[in-house]
Amino acid sequence: MTARLNRRIFVEKTLCGTAALAAVTSAGASAVTPIAYAQAPESKPRVPRGRIGHLEVSRLLLGGNLLTHYTHSRDLMYVYALTRHYNTREKIFETLALAEAHGINTLVIHTALGVMDMLREYRHKLGGKIQWIICPTAVMEPGLAEFKDQVQMLVDEGAEAVYVWGVRADDLVARGQPDLIAQAVEAAKAKGVLCGVGAHDLRVIEECERLKVPADFYIKTLHHHSYPTGPKPEDITAPYKEIPGYWCSHPKETIELMQRVEKPWIAFKVMAAGAIPPSSAFRYAIRGGADFILAGMFDFEIAEDVRILNEVLAAELKRPRPWRA
């Protein structure tokens, strides 16, 4: 698709349906015929919502990794190129609109190259309503000058919330500087925006709780290890050791710690970057105490993932952790 996507085409494609069939015309050329959604918008499966501060947030959030082509595809390097070719700018807009149509009202993404231009166009030119929770990727050094500048930019652009990137938070705790996480949260909140903390390393949450960091929410990994390439017990030789191919080294300990945490918890990497089916992943995360699930989804996965989450939420779940949002 080489022509720029204007509002008329965008509305036609997203309100009538983002899926399309190729039909051969009498002249032999191919044409694309939109397929209408199977249900009217008001009867379409919707996603229940919770609250983070003053924000009403869908229990299923759209993750930004696939939209920025960062697929966490382990050693399958061709997948990066495949995703980049599939998720064109126009396809990303369609994906955002489809998420909204299914009741997913919040996107979580980081400040990768070109992201803000894309979001600005979707919101201001195409009329998108999806909320933004964005993490600055700025280097976090004493004084936090670059971080503060990026937060101010995000506030000016209209981000509904920000958070400390898990990559940065993990590193700060490993370096013995968790106080910078606290300073970052306080700096962001001083600008009038909700601020959370992301983490892969469970020690980040431990330190934030110990220091009473005034975060509004946590974004913490959670997935089980029952998948073919998952870690074996003998692989985990030390606490919090990172092993390629998974993102939650201690799920049991994560669930136990989060039982004592009163802040809303957005669980991410619940499918171990595509290695765990959503039915298993969502059930494990919700039963484990997560208040929200953050999932990277291609456009063709959204409807099914919404259906699965609704089924999980409708079942009688024995959660050791009360809902915190």
C-alpha atoms as a PDB file:
ATOM      1  CA  MET A   1       0.000   0.000   0.000  1.00  0.00           C
ATOM      2  CA  THR A   2       1.850   3.079  -1.226  1.00  0.00           C
ATOM      3  CA  ALA A   3      -0.855   5.746  -1.051  1.00  0.00           C
ATOM      4  CA  ARG A   4      -1.083   7.611   2.238  1.00  0.00           C
ATOM      5  CA  LEU A   5      -4.009   6.460   4.367  1.00  0.00           C
ATOM      6  CA  ASN A   6      -6.505   9.324   4.602  1.00  0.00           C
ATOM      7  CA  ARG A   7      -9.401   9.577   7.034  1.00  0.00           C
ATOM      8  CA  ARG A   8     -12.070   8.490   4.528  1.00  0.00           C
ATOM      9  CA  ILE A   9     -10.199   5.298   3.613  1.00  0.00           C
ATOM     10  CA  PHE A  10      -9.352   4.674   7.265  1.00  0.00           C
ATOM     11  CA  VAL A  11     -12.982   4.932   8.346  1.00  0.00           C
ATOM     12  CA  GLU A  12     -14.145   2.685   5.518  1.00  0.00           C
ATOM     13  CA  LYS A  13     -11.561   0.047   6.351  1.00  0.00           C
ATOM     14  CA  THR A  14     -11.936   0.067  10.122  1.00  0.00           C
ATOM     15  CA  LEU A  15     -15.672   0.539  10.563  1.00  0.00           C
ATOM     16  CA  CYS A  16     -16.587  -1.913   7.846  1.00  0.00           C
ATOM     17  CA  GLY A  17     -13.921  -4.359   8.982  1.00  0.00           C
ATOM     18  CA  THR A  18     -10.184  -4.702   8.755  1.00  0.00           C
ATOM     19  CA  ALA A  19     -10.206  -8.126   7.138  1.00  0.00           C
ATOM     20  CA  ALA A  20     -10.537  -8.235   3.366  1.00  0.00           C
ATOM     21  CA  LEU A  21     -10.941 -10.757   0.572  1.00  0.00           C
ATOM     22  CA  ALA A  22      -9.242 -10.493  -2.776  1.00  0.00           C
ATOM     23  CA  ALA A  23     -11.772 -10.615  -5.612  1.00  0.00           C
ATOM     24  CA  VAL A  24     -10.916 -10.838  -9.302  1.00  0.00           C
ATOM     25  CA  THR A  25     -12.658  -8.252 -11.444  1.00  0.00           C
ATOM     26  CA  SER A  26     -13.890  -8.793 -14.981  1.00  0.00           C
ATOM     27  CA  ALA A  27     -10.851  -6.953 -16.232  1.00  0.00           C
ATOM     28  CA  GLY A  28      -8.603  -9.431 -14.493  1.00  0.00           C
ATOM     29  CA  ALA A  29      -7.332  -6.995 -11.885  1.00  0.00           C
ATOM     30  CA  SER A  30      -7.654  -7.770  -8.175  1.00  0.00           C
ATOM     31  CA  ALA A  31      -9.822  -5.726  -5.849  1.00  0.00           C
ATOM     32  CA  VAL A  32     -10.213  -5.756  -2.092  1.00  0.00           C
ATOM     33  CA  THR A  33     -13.679  -6.163  -0.645  1.00  0.00           C
ATOM     34  CA  PRO A  34     -14.114  -5.260   3.035  1.00  0.00           C
ATOM     35  CA  ILE A  35     -15.795  -7.849   5.235  1.00  0.00           C
ATOM     36  CA  ALA A  36     -18.240  -6.373   7.737  1.00  0.00           C
ATOM     37  CA  TYR A  37     -17.832  -7.269  11.374  1.00  0.00           C
ATOM     38  CA  ALA A  38     -19.888 -10.298  12.293  1.00  0.00           C
ATOM     39  CA  GLN A  39     -21.740  -8.362  14.984  1.00  0.00           C
ATOM     40  CA  ALA A  40     -22.930  -4.827  15.377  1.00  0.00           C
ATOM     41  CA  PRO A  41     -20.545  -2.719  17.514  1.00  0.00           C
ATOM     42  CA  GLU A  42     -22.911  -2.680  20.495  1.00  0.00           C
ATOM     43  CA  SER A  43     -23.173  -6.489  20.532  1.00  0.00           C
ATOM     44  CA  LYS A  44     -19.510  -7.207  19.874  1.00  0.00           C
ATOM     45  CA  PRO A  45     -17.616  -8.951  22.709  1.00  0.00           C
ATOM     46  CA  ARG A  46     -16.251  -6.262  24.995  1.00  0.00           C
ATOM     47  CA  VAL A  47     -13.441  -6.232  27.508  1.00  0.00           C
ATOM     48  CA  PRO A  48     -14.262  -5.574  31.181  1.00  0.00           C
ATOM     49  CA  ARG A  49     -12.444  -2.639  32.727  1.00  0.00           C
ATOM     50  CA  GLY A  50     -10.670  -1.704  35.936  1.00  0.00           C
ATOM     51  CA  ARG A  51      -9.227   1.537  37.228  1.00  0.00           C
ATOM     52  CA  ILE A  52      -5.682   2.797  37.598  1.00  0.00           C
ATOM     53  CA  GLY A  53      -5.921   6.086  39.413  1.00  0.00           C
ATOM     54  CA  HIS A  54      -8.464   8.131  37.515  1.00  0.00           C
ATOM     55  CA  LEU A  55      -8.055   6.059  34.334  1.00  0.00           C
ATOM     56  CA  GLU A  56     -10.561   3.423  33.294  1.00  0.00           C
ATOM     57  CA  VAL A  57      -8.483   0.698  31.647  1.00  0.00           C
ATOM     58  CA  SER A  58      -9.548  -2.439  29.788  1.00  0.00           C
ATOM     59  CA  ARG A  59      -8.467  -5.704  31.429  1.00  0.00           C
ATOM     60  CA  LEU A  60      -6.696  -6.549  28.165  1.00  0.00           C
ATOM     61  CA  LEU A  61      -4.229  -3.948  26.896  1.00  0.00           C
ATOM     62  CA  LEU A  62      -2.585  -3.845  23.486  1.00  0.00           C
ATOM     63  CA  GLY A  63       1.182  -4.216  23.647  1.00  0.00           C
ATOM     64  CA  GLY A  64       3.383  -2.188  21.349  1.00  0.00           C
ATOM     65  CA  ASN A  65       6.232  -4.609  20.613  1.00  0.00           C
ATOM     66  CA  LEU A  66       4.725  -6.085  17.452  1.00  0.00           C
ATOM     67  CA  LEU A  67       3.794  -2.609  16.284  1.00  0.00           C
ATOM     68  CA  THR A  68       7.402  -1.510  16.648  1.00  0.00           C
ATOM     69  CA  HIS A  69       8.519  -4.824  15.094  1.00  0.00           C
ATOM     70  CA  TYR A  70      10.383  -5.956  18.207  1.00  0.00           C
ATOM     71  CA  THR A  71       9.101  -9.506  18.343  1.00  0.00           C
ATOM     72  CA  HIS A  72      11.307 -11.181  20.989  1.00  0.00           C
ATOM     73  CA  SER A  73      11.573 -14.063  18.530  1.00  0.00           C
ATOM     74  CA  ARG A  74      14.627 -15.611  20.166  1.00  0.00           C
ATOM     75  CA  ASP A  75      17.054 -16.787  17.476  1.00  0.00           C
ATOM     76  CA  LEU A  76      14.502 -16.685  14.639  1.00  0.00           C
ATOM     77  CA  MET A  77      15.839 -13.463  13.199  1.00  0.00           C
ATOM     78  CA  TYR A  78      13.700 -13.581  10.046  1.00  0.00           C
ATOM     79  CA  VAL A  79      10.621 -12.958  12.204  1.00  0.00           C
ATOM     80  CA  TYR A  80      11.734  -9.377  12.771  1.00  0.00           C
ATOM     81  CA  ALA A  81      11.730  -8.725   9.025  1.00  0.00           C
ATOM     82  CA  LEU A  82       8.462 -10.601   8.573  1.00  0.00           C
ATOM     83  CA  THR A  83       6.748  -8.483  11.225  1.00  0.00           C
ATOM     84  CA  ARG A  84       8.170  -5.294   9.754  1.00  0.00           C
ATOM     85  CA  HIS A  85       6.787  -6.161   6.340  1.00  0.00           C
ATOM     86  CA  TYR A  86       3.381  -7.151   7.709  1.00  0.00           C
ATOM     87  CA  ASN A  87       2.854  -4.359  10.214  1.00  0.00           C
ATOM     88  CA  THR A  88       3.076  -1.418   7.877  1.00  0.00           C
ATOM     89  CA  ARG A  89       1.953   1.983   9.112  1.00  0.00           C
ATOM     90  CA  GLU A  90      -1.493   1.426   7.616  1.00  0.00           C
ATOM     91  CA  LYS A  91      -1.751  -2.044   9.163  1.00  0.00           C
ATOM     92  CA  ILE A  92      -0.781  -0.605  12.543  1.00  0.00           C
ATOM     93  CA  PHE A  93      -3.602   1.926  12.266  1.00  0.00           C
ATOM     94  CA  GLU A  94      -6.004  -0.881  11.387  1.00  0.00           C
ATOM     95  CA  THR A  95      -4.791  -2.889  14.379  1.00  0.00           C
ATOM     96  CA  LEU A  96      -5.324   0.022  16.751  1.00  0.00           C
ATOM     97  CA  ALA A  97      -8.814   0.604  15.387  1.00  0.00           C
ATOM     98  CA  LEU A  98      -9.704  -3.075  15.627  1.00  0.00           C
ATOM     99  CA  ALA A  99      -8.517  -3.152  19.228  1.00  0.00           C
ATOM    100  CA  GLU A 100     -10.747  -0.184  20.009  1.00  0.00           C
ATOM    101  CA  ALA A 101     -13.700  -1.827  18.268  1.00  0.00           C
ATOM    102  CA  HIS A 102     -13.322  -4.823  20.592  1.00  0.00           C
ATOM    103  CA  GLY A 103     -13.187  -2.713  23.735  1.00  0.00           C
ATOM    104  CA  ILE A 104      -9.421  -2.581  24.235  1.00  0.00           C
ATOM    105  CA  ASN A 105      -9.057   1.045  25.221  1.00  0.00           C
ATOM    106  CA  THR A 106      -5.356   1.295  26.137  1.00  0.00           C
ATOM    107  CA  LEU A 107      -2.052   0.857  24.305  1.00  0.00           C
ATOM    108  CA  VAL A 108       1.263   0.283  26.093  1.00  0.00           C
ATOM    109  CA  ILE A 109       4.319   1.167  24.046  1.00  0.00           C
ATOM    110  CA  HIS A 110       7.793   2.679  24.383  1.00  0.00           C
ATOM    111  CA  THR A 111       9.368   5.670  22.699  1.00  0.00           C
ATOM    112  CA  ALA A 112      10.894   3.789  19.790  1.00  0.00           C
ATOM    113  CA  LEU A 113      11.859   5.667  16.653  1.00  0.00           C
ATOM    114  CA  GLY A 114       8.785   7.046  14.870  1.00  0.00           C
ATOM    115  CA  VAL A 115       6.276   5.937  17.517  1.00  0.00           C
ATOM    116  CA  MET A 116       5.122   9.410  18.541  1.00  0.00           C
ATOM    117  CA  ASP A 117       4.617  10.518  14.925  1.00  0.00           C
ATOM    118  CA  MET A 118       2.500   7.422  14.343  1.00  0.00           C
ATOM    119  CA  LEU A 119       0.407   7.895  17.488  1.00  0.00           C
ATOM    120  CA  ARG A 120      -0.055  11.579  16.785  1.00  0.00           C
ATOM    121  CA  GLU A 121      -1.387  10.826  13.316  1.00  0.00           C
ATOM    122  CA  TYR A 122      -3.710   8.095  14.568  1.00  0.00           C
ATOM    123  CA  ARG A 123      -5.197  10.266  17.306  1.00  0.00           C
ATOM    124  CA  HIS A 124      -5.324  13.683  15.701  1.00  0.00           C
ATOM    125  CA  LYS A 125      -5.820  12.920  12.002  1.00  0.00           C
ATOM    126  CA  LEU A 126      -7.684   9.625  12.096  1.00  0.00           C
ATOM    127  CA  GLY A 127      -9.718  10.203  15.225  1.00  0.00           C
ATOM    128  CA  GLY A 128      -8.325   7.332  17.314  1.00  0.00           C
ATOM    129  CA  LYS A 129      -9.392   7.238  20.964  1.00  0.00           C
ATOM    130  CA  ILE A 130      -7.119   4.573  22.430  1.00  0.00           C
ATOM    131  CA  GLN A 131      -5.297   5.688  25.594  1.00  0.00           C
ATOM    132  CA  TRP A 132      -1.504   5.766  25.780  1.00  0.00           C
ATOM    133  CA  ILE A 133       0.670   4.336  28.531  1.00  0.00           C
ATOM    134  CA  ILE A 134       4.185   5.039  27.328  1.00  0.00           C
ATOM    135  CA  CYS A 135       7.613   4.389  28.790  1.00  0.00           C
ATOM    136  CA  PRO A 136      10.489   6.731  27.997  1.00  0.00           C
ATOM    137  CA  THR A 137      13.579   4.878  26.838  1.00  0.00           C
ATOM    138  CA  ALA A 138      15.837   7.672  28.060  1.00  0.00           C
ATOM    139  CA  VAL A 139      19.054   6.795  29.853  1.00  0.00           C
ATOM    140  CA  MET A 140      18.515   7.171  33.584  1.00  0.00           C
ATOM    141  CA  GLU A 141      21.517   8.771  35.236  1.00  0.00           C
ATOM    142  CA  PRO A 142      21.684  10.909  38.400  1.00  0.00           C
ATOM    143  CA  GLY A 143      19.641  14.042  37.847  1.00  0.00           C
ATOM    144  CA  LEU A 144      17.396  12.219  35.332  1.00  0.00           C
ATOM    145  CA  ALA A 145      17.624  15.110  32.882  1.00  0.00           C
ATOM    146  CA  GLU A 146      16.931  13.053  29.752  1.00  0.00           C
ATOM    147  CA  PHE A 147      14.154  11.081  31.444  1.00  0.00           C
ATOM    148  CA  LYS A 148      12.428  14.262  32.631  1.00  0.00           C
ATOM    149  CA  ASP A 149      12.630  15.764  29.148  1.00  0.00           C
ATOM    150  CA  GLN A 150      11.008  12.692  27.603  1.00  0.00           C
ATOM    151  CA  VAL A 151       8.272  12.635  30.233  1.00  0.00           C
ATOM    152  CA  GLN A 152       7.507  16.278  29.563  1.00  0.00           C
ATOM    153  CA  MET A 153       7.290  15.526  25.844  1.00  0.00           C
ATOM    154  CA  LEU A 154       4.876  12.656  26.508  1.00  0.00           C
ATOM    155  CA  VAL A 155       2.731  14.811  28.772  1.00  0.00           C
ATOM    156  CA  ASP A 156       2.639  17.527  26.102  1.00  0.00           C
ATOM    157  CA  GLU A 157       1.650  14.935  23.493  1.00  0.00           C
ATOM    158  CA  GLY A 158      -1.260  13.741  25.625  1.00  0.00           C
ATOM    159  CA  ALA A 159      -0.063  10.462  27.150  1.00  0.00           C
ATOM    160  CA  GLU A 160      -2.494   9.324  29.816  1.00  0.00           C
ATOM    161  CA  ALA A 161       0.240   7.592  31.844  1.00  0.00           C
ATOM    162  CA  VAL A 162       3.947   6.823  31.733  1.00  0.00           C
ATOM    163  CA  TYR A 163       6.128   4.253  33.431  1.00  0.00           C
ATOM    164  CA  VAL A 164       9.761   3.479  34.137  1.00  0.00           C
ATOM    165  CA  TRP A 165      10.877   1.051  31.442  1.00  0.00           C
ATOM    166  CA  GLY A 166      11.529  -2.412  32.845  1.00  0.00           C
ATOM    167  CA  VAL A 167      14.904  -2.579  31.102  1.00  0.00           C
ATOM    168  CA  ARG A 168      16.000   0.549  32.950  1.00  0.00           C
ATOM    169  CA  ALA A 169      14.478  -0.476  36.283  1.00  0.00           C
ATOM    170  CA  ASP A 170      16.148  -3.914  36.156  1.00  0.00           C
ATOM    171  CA  ASP A 171      19.495  -2.287  35.463  1.00  0.00           C
ATOM    172  CA  LEU A 172      19.154   0.312  38.225  1.00  0.00           C
ATOM    173  CA  VAL A 173      18.394  -2.338  40.831  1.00  0.00           C
ATOM    174  CA  ALA A 174      21.272  -4.510  39.609  1.00  0.00           C
ATOM    175  CA  ARG A 175      23.564  -1.475  39.983  1.00  0.00           C
ATOM    176  CA  GLY A 176      22.293  -0.754  43.471  1.00  0.00           C
ATOM    177  CA  GLN A 177      20.484   2.462  42.461  1.00  0.00           C
ATOM    178  CA  PRO A 178      16.791   1.813  43.161  1.00  0.00           C
ATOM    179  CA  ASP A 179      16.555   5.349  44.540  1.00  0.00           C
ATOM    180  CA  LEU A 180      16.664   6.609  40.942  1.00  0.00           C
ATOM    181  CA  ILE A 181      13.458   4.676  40.241  1.00  0.00           C
ATOM    182  CA  ALA A 182      11.799   6.494  43.133  1.00  0.00           C
ATOM    183  CA  GLN A 183      13.090   9.822  41.871  1.00  0.00           C
ATOM    184  CA  ALA A 184      11.842   9.067  38.352  1.00  0.00           C
ATOM    185  CA  VAL A 185       8.333   8.237  39.569  1.00  0.00           C
ATOM    186  CA  GLU A 186       8.205  11.364  41.703  1.00  0.00           C
ATOM    187  CA  ALA A 187       9.463  13.501  38.808  1.00  0.00           C
ATOM    188  CA  ALA A 188       6.822  12.140  36.445  1.00  0.00           C
ATOM    189  CA  LYS A 189       3.985  12.532  38.934  1.00  0.00           C
ATOM    190  CA  ALA A 190       5.099  16.117  39.573  1.00  0.00           C
ATOM    191  CA  LYS A 191       4.232  16.778  35.942  1.00  0.00           C
ATOM    192  CA  GLY A 192       0.652  15.691  36.601  1.00  0.00           C
ATOM    193  CA  VAL A 193       0.695  12.278  34.945  1.00  0.00           C
ATOM    194  CA  LEU A 194       0.171   8.788  36.344  1.00  0.00           C
ATOM    195  CA  CYS A 195       3.423   6.864  36.593  1.00  0.00           C
ATOM    196  CA  GLY A 196       4.163   3.165  37.034  1.00  0.00           C
ATOM    197  CA  VAL A 197       7.237   0.956  37.207  1.00  0.00           C
ATOM    198  CA  GLY A 198       8.057  -1.872  34.806  1.00  0.00           C
ATOM    199  CA  ALA A 199      10.145  -4.905  35.708  1.00  0.00           C
ATOM    200  CA  HIS A 200      11.354  -8.309  34.605  1.00  0.00           C
ATOM    201  CA  ASP A 201      13.462  -8.729  37.728  1.00  0.00           C
ATOM    202  CA  LEU A 202      11.332  -9.355  40.823  1.00  0.00           C
ATOM    203  CA  ARG A 203      13.817  -7.402  42.920  1.00  0.00           C
ATOM    204  CA  VAL A 204      12.535  -4.217  41.296  1.00  0.00           C
ATOM    205  CA  ILE A 205       9.139  -4.713  42.901  1.00  0.00           C
ATOM    206  CA  GLU A 206      10.757  -5.687  46.202  1.00  0.00           C
ATOM    207  CA  GLU A 207      12.851  -2.522  46.224  1.00  0.00           C
ATOM    208  CA  CYS A 208       9.972  -0.270  45.192  1.00  0.00           C
ATOM    209  CA  GLU A 209       7.837  -1.668  47.988  1.00  0.00           C
ATOM    210  CA  ARG A 210      10.688  -1.345  50.503  1.00  0.00           C
ATOM    211  CA  LEU A 211      11.303   2.275  49.502  1.00  0.00           C
ATOM    212  CA  LYS A 212       7.568   2.995  49.344  1.00  0.00           C
ATOM    213  CA  VAL A 213       7.935   4.338  45.809  1.00  0.00           C
ATOM    214  CA  PRO A 214       4.681   6.209  45.012  1.00  0.00           C
ATOM    215  CA  ALA A 215       4.078   4.342  41.757  1.00  0.00           C
ATOM    216  CA  ASP A 216       0.477   4.204  40.557  1.00  0.00           C
ATOM    217  CA  PHE A 217       0.897   0.704  39.106  1.00  0.00           C
ATOM    218  CA  TYR A 218       3.394  -2.009  38.273  1.00  0.00           C
ATOM    219  CA  ILE A 219       4.034  -3.686  34.922  1.00  0.00           C
ATOM    220  CA  LYS A 220       5.642  -7.013  35.849  1.00  0.00           C
ATOM    221  CA  THR A 221       6.277 -10.143  33.798  1.00  0.00           C
ATOM    222  CA  LEU A 222       4.417 -13.339  34.633  1.00  0.00           C
ATOM    223  CA  HIS A 223       4.341 -16.638  32.768  1.00  0.00           C
ATOM    224  CA  HIS A 224       4.613 -20.281  33.715  1.00  0.00           C
ATOM    225  CA  HIS A 225       7.451 -22.528  32.551  1.00  0.00           C
ATOM    226  CA  SER A 226       5.353 -25.347  31.083  1.00  0.00           C
ATOM    227  CA  TYR A 227       6.253 -24.922  27.443  1.00  0.00           C
ATOM    228  CA  PRO A 228       8.750 -26.886  25.320  1.00  0.00           C
ATOM    229  CA  THR A 229      11.533 -24.293  25.357  1.00  0.00           C
ATOM    230  CA  GLY A 230      10.842 -23.142  28.907  1.00  0.00           C
ATOM    231  CA  PRO A 231      13.577 -23.286  31.529  1.00  0.00           C
ATOM    232  CA  LYS A 232      14.167 -26.472  33.442  1.00  0.00           C
ATOM    233  CA  PRO A 233      14.722 -26.433  37.212  1.00  0.00           C
ATOM    234  CA  GLU A 234      18.422 -27.102  36.739  1.00  0.00           C
ATOM    235  CA  ASP A 235      18.684 -24.012  34.518  1.00  0.00           C
ATOM    236  CA  ILE A 236      17.787 -21.711  37.384  1.00  0.00           C
ATOM    237  CA  THR A 237      20.973 -21.888  39.410  1.00  0.00           C
ATOM    238  CA  ALA A 238      20.725 -18.513  41.129  1.00  0.00           C
ATOM    239  CA  PRO A 239      17.953 -16.117  42.062  1.00  0.00           C
ATOM    240  CA  TYR A 240      16.846 -13.866  39.216  1.00  0.00           C
ATOM    241  CA  LYS A 241      19.349 -15.306  36.772  1.00  0.00           C
ATOM    242  CA  GLU A 242      18.279 -14.419  33.267  1.00  0.00           C
ATOM    243  CA  ILE A 243      18.201 -17.226  30.725  1.00  0.00           C
ATOM    244  CA  PRO A 244      17.457 -16.523  27.032  1.00  0.00           C
ATOM    245  CA  GLY A 245      13.988 -17.587  25.986  1.00  0.00           C
ATOM    246  CA  TYR A 246      11.890 -16.543  28.953  1.00  0.00           C
ATOM    247  CA  TRP A 247      11.093 -13.401  30.873  1.00  0.00           C
ATOM    248  CA  CYS A 248       9.767 -14.442  34.289  1.00  0.00           C
ATOM    249  CA  SER A 249      12.401 -16.511  36.021  1.00  0.00           C
ATOM    250  CA  HIS A 250      10.467 -16.950  39.258  1.00  0.00           C
ATOM    251  CA  PRO A 251       6.707 -17.059  38.591  1.00  0.00           C
ATOM    252  CA  LYS A 252       5.830 -18.702  41.909  1.00  0.00           C
ATOM    253  CA  GLU A 253       7.766 -16.092  43.863  1.00  0.00           C
ATOM    254  CA  THR A 254       6.237 -13.327  41.750  1.00  0.00           C
ATOM    255  CA  ILE A 255       2.719 -14.514  42.565  1.00  0.00           C
ATOM    256  CA  GLU A 256       3.562 -14.754  46.259  1.00  0.00           C
ATOM    257  CA  LEU A 257       5.128 -11.294  46.431  1.00  0.00           C
ATOM    258  CA  MET A 258       2.320  -9.632  44.486  1.00  0.00           C
ATOM    259  CA  GLN A 259      -0.215 -10.964  46.993  1.00  0.00           C
ATOM    260  CA  ARG A 260       1.175  -8.370  49.407  1.00  0.00           C
ATOM    261  CA  VAL A 261       1.243  -5.559  46.861  1.00  0.00           C
ATOM    262  CA  GLU A 262      -1.762  -3.250  46.870  1.00  0.00           C
ATOM    263  CA  LYS A 263      -1.029  -1.407  43.635  1.00  0.00           C
ATOM    264  CA  PRO A 264      -2.654  -2.398  40.321  1.00  0.00           C
ATOM    265  CA  TRP A 265      -0.613  -5.002  38.447  1.00  0.00           C
ATOM    266  CA  ILE A 266      -0.384  -5.213  34.669  1.00  0.00           C
ATOM    267  CA  ALA A 267       1.141  -8.603  33.795  1.00  0.00           C
ATOM    268  CA  PHE A 268       3.148  -8.755  30.586  1.00  0.00           C
ATOM    269  CA  LYS A 269       5.073 -11.378  28.624  1.00  0.00           C
ATOM    270  CA  VAL A 270       2.323 -13.741  29.785  1.00  0.00           C
ATOM    271  CA  MET A 271       2.708 -15.820  26.621  1.00  0.00           C
ATOM    272  CA  ALA A 272       6.514 -15.903  26.905  1.00  0.00           C
ATOM    273  CA  ALA A 273       6.690 -14.057  23.596  1.00  0.00           C
ATOM    274  CA  GLY A 274       4.351 -16.415  21.773  1.00  0.00           C
ATOM    275  CA  ALA A 275       5.490 -19.735  23.251  1.00  0.00           C
ATOM    276  CA  ILE A 276       2.385 -20.224  25.439  1.00  0.00           C
ATOM    277  CA  PRO A 277      -1.153 -20.282  23.980  1.00  0.00           C
ATOM    278  CA  PRO A 278      -3.279 -17.347  25.179  1.00  0.00           C
ATOM    279  CA  SER A 279      -5.869 -19.627  26.807  1.00  0.00           C
ATOM    280  CA  SER A 280      -3.211 -21.049  29.126  1.00  0.00           C
ATOM    281  CA  ALA A 281      -1.325 -17.783  29.544  1.00  0.00           C
ATOM    282  CA  PHE A 282      -4.336 -15.610  30.384  1.00  0.00           C
ATOM    283  CA  ARG A 283      -5.735 -18.117  32.862  1.00  0.00           C
ATOM    284  CA  TYR A 284      -2.392 -18.426  34.634  1.00  0.00           C
ATOM    285  CA  ALA A 285      -1.906 -14.657  34.886  1.00  0.00           C
ATOM    286  CA  ILE A 286      -5.411 -13.876  36.112  1.00  0.00           C
ATOM    287  CA  ARG A 287      -5.383 -16.729  38.614  1.00  0.00           C
ATOM    288  CA  GLY A 288      -1.948 -15.579  39.704  1.00  0.00           C
ATOM    289  CA  GLY A 289      -3.327 -12.214  40.733  1.00  0.00           C
ATOM    290  CA  ALA A 290      -2.802  -9.921  37.755  1.00  0.00           C
ATOM    291  CA  ASP A 291      -5.365  -7.139  37.418  1.00  0.00           C
ATOM    292  CA  PHE A 292      -4.680  -6.563  33.734  1.00  0.00           C
ATOM    293  CA  ILE A 293      -3.013  -8.443  30.894  1.00  0.00           C
ATOM    294  CA  LEU A 294      -0.749  -6.703  28.406  1.00  0.00           C
ATOM    295  CA  ALA A 295      -0.500  -8.689  25.163  1.00  0.00           C
ATOM    296  CA  GLY A 296       1.188  -8.018  21.877  1.00  0.00           C
ATOM    297  CA  MET A 297      -1.309  -8.933  19.169  1.00  0.00           C
ATOM    298  CA  PHE A 298      -1.481  -8.961  15.414  1.00  0.00           C
ATOM    299  CA  ASP A 299      -4.783  -7.687  14.029  1.00  0.00           C
ATOM    300  CA  PHE A 300      -6.038 -11.210  13.298  1.00  0.00           C
ATOM    301  CA  GLU A 301      -5.480 -12.281  16.921  1.00  0.00           C
ATOM    302  CA  ILE A 302      -7.464  -9.560  18.651  1.00  0.00           C
ATOM    303  CA  ALA A 303     -10.997 -10.971  18.437  1.00  0.00           C
ATOM    304  CA  GLU A 304      -9.905 -14.413  19.631  1.00  0.00           C
ATOM    305  CA  ASP A 305      -7.830 -13.035  22.498  1.00  0.00           C
ATOM    306  CA  VAL A 306     -10.748 -10.890  23.664  1.00  0.00           C
ATOM    307  CA  ARG A 307     -13.009 -13.945  23.590  1.00  0.00           C
ATOM    308  CA  ILE A 308     -10.501 -16.003  25.565  1.00  0.00           C
ATOM    309  CA  LEU A 309     -10.005 -13.344  28.221  1.00  0.00           C
ATOM    310  CA  ASN A 310     -13.742 -12.907  28.646  1.00  0.00           C
ATOM    311  CA  GLU A 311     -14.095 -16.659  29.168  1.00  0.00           C
ATOM    312  CA  VAL A 312     -11.316 -16.638  31.755  1.00  0.00           C
ATOM    313  CA  LEU A 313     -12.859 -13.714  33.622  1.00  0.00           C
ATOM    314  CA  ALA A 314     -16.319 -15.298  33.516  1.00  0.00           C
ATOM    315  CA  ALA A 315     -15.065 -18.515  35.108  1.00  0.00           C
ATOM    316  CA  GLU A 316     -14.899 -18.908  38.860  1.00  0.00           C
ATOM    317  CA  LEU A 317     -11.280 -18.156  39.586  1.00  0.00           C
ATOM    318  CA  LYS A 318      -9.594 -18.832  42.884  1.00  0.00           C
ATOM    319  CA  ARG A 319      -7.241 -15.879  43.151  1.00  0.00           C
ATOM    320  CA  PRO A 320      -4.886 -15.630  46.110  1.00  0.00           C
ATOM    321  CA  ARG A 321      -4.726 -11.884  45.481  1.00  0.00           C
ATOM    322  CA  PRO A 322      -7.754  -9.584  45.612  1.00  0.00           C
ATOM    323  CA  TRP A 323      -8.477  -7.358  42.644  1.00  0.00           C
ATOM    324  CA  ARG A 324      -6.486  -4.153  43.058  1.00  0.00           C
ATOM    325  CA  ALA A 325      -8.039  -2.305  40.153  1.00  0.00           C
END
